[in-house]
């Protein structure tokens, strides 16, 4: 499938994932927004136009026709694909916006905002004090203190400095607990190997054990109590598989697991001896004393802090720890604890009810602006990424801005099946839903997330990842064909790389090899710039990428999308990636 007949502009922008913490969908029945059943509104078809090519990541660029099939072969390697389509009954709106206006734009006059008192940058910078620090301090002084769960990440170059800050946060929590009178501290660890290098768990456990040893020298009984890999133990999301949380509950709370060890370093090393083992899928384990008794199950009277700030991965555990009426699995016992999260993970459910730091308030997202301006939207993905096209997209907000204009549809992900066993995931089902929404002509924007490159890439299984990427290619072709039929516009991009490079490398770029000479597999995100492509027969003549944004990235996409809908973006947004040049 070539580029002929399509208008397309393409760029590479510097990607990087940002996931805030706040409200996360609790029950699946609360996720969908049915609406936007109005009629009509497809755009006019357009003739061929030379594609403009630029780069938003500071690498320079040129012009030329791009073969869409070869472009998709690059694009599908990235973490996940956000595909959007736009229909313009009146394309003159976009033509009328000059390059100067695109650079110094203001929100359209008829936009109705929920709250226009504070700017977005202020909202992101502000924080509020948590409600229950005093109560937690009382329980820390009383004795038992549980830090739970800790996601262990290795020291890593930027942008993974957040991993080191997370370890520093744990250090400060442990230090603060001991200074406020805690005499017994237990840490429940979850190994990563997903967003950082696989195998880094060993060094992190070593460093944590050193920190705990220093506390023991000060008279604090401080130990690691249990653990497991983040994708198999505790940290499920969007209620996809409660058995993941149950495995964590059994280990952290009941002190029960199939693997028992005298210390955590021995546990991680021994479990990793399995040729198929990796950090993210380590089975649950508990640490026991000389008599075989678990050293740190969560008990009545304990103060428990989940210091993970990742909202989507903490809500399910928070429900199990806090809800007295809970029916997702048999907890066996429900300890009476004082529990706080690092953040309030779900603002709608007020969960947890006690937290250390208030989540950021994020307002005036592009989705809100467009909904207030009558843009009809359809959003779809499978369970594992559904929140990325709804909750996260809307600024950590559950539900729709306007249910009569928006429809959100979730396709259930496979449960209990590793992604490399089902590498096609639900890519084709998502594409078919998107195609149907596009051809229905009921929506002005269709937004989907195709996650094969990320979820399968994280497994480190190269053959499975190739299958997943091919499925993503097929899915994107289905969507682009539908856009062609209605004369629409497409935007394809991602938030970071993953599957395009699955080899660990030294500083010179050469692949690292193990003792047997095999290339070591990389399962974490890459630092490569990500592509963005804009095109389709509905793209107005003269639209091209700007060349004055050497450091453009994901933040610039919001204004770009608003321009493609025919609106000027708010002046507090990062500038648009496109401009209109008179022919």
Foldseek 3Di string as FASTA:
>chain_A
DFCAQKAKEKAFAFFDDDFFFAADDDAPVQFWFAALPDAFFFADFFHGDFYQYAYQAQPGDGGGTDGVLVVLLVFLLFQKKKKKWFGHNPQVLLVVQFQVCLFQDAFDPLFDFPDDPDDQVVLQPDWDFWDCPPVLLVLLQVEAAEAPAAEQAACDDPPCVVNVVSVVVVLVVVVVSVVSHYQEYEYEYAYECFQHNWPRVLVRQVVVVVSQVVVVVVRHHYAYWKYFALQQACFDFLPQECVNNVQNLCCQAVVDFPAEEQHVSCQVVVQPVPPLDTRNGGGMYGHAHPVRHGDHHDAASYEYEHEDRRLRRCQSNQCLQPPPDDDPDDSVDHHHYHYEYCEQRRNVVCTPVTHGMYTGAGTDALQSRVVSVQFAEEEEEESRCQCVRACVNHRNDHDHNDSNRYTYDYHYWDYPDQCLVVLLICLQVRLVVLLVVLLSNSGRMYIYMQRSSRRVLLSLPLVSSVVNSVSNSVSVVSNQVSLQVSQIKMKIKHNFGGSVDFFDADPVRHFDADPVRHTDTRNHTDRDGIMMMMMTRNDDPQKHFDHPNNNDHDQQVSQQVCSSNSTGDRSSGDRHGIGGDDD
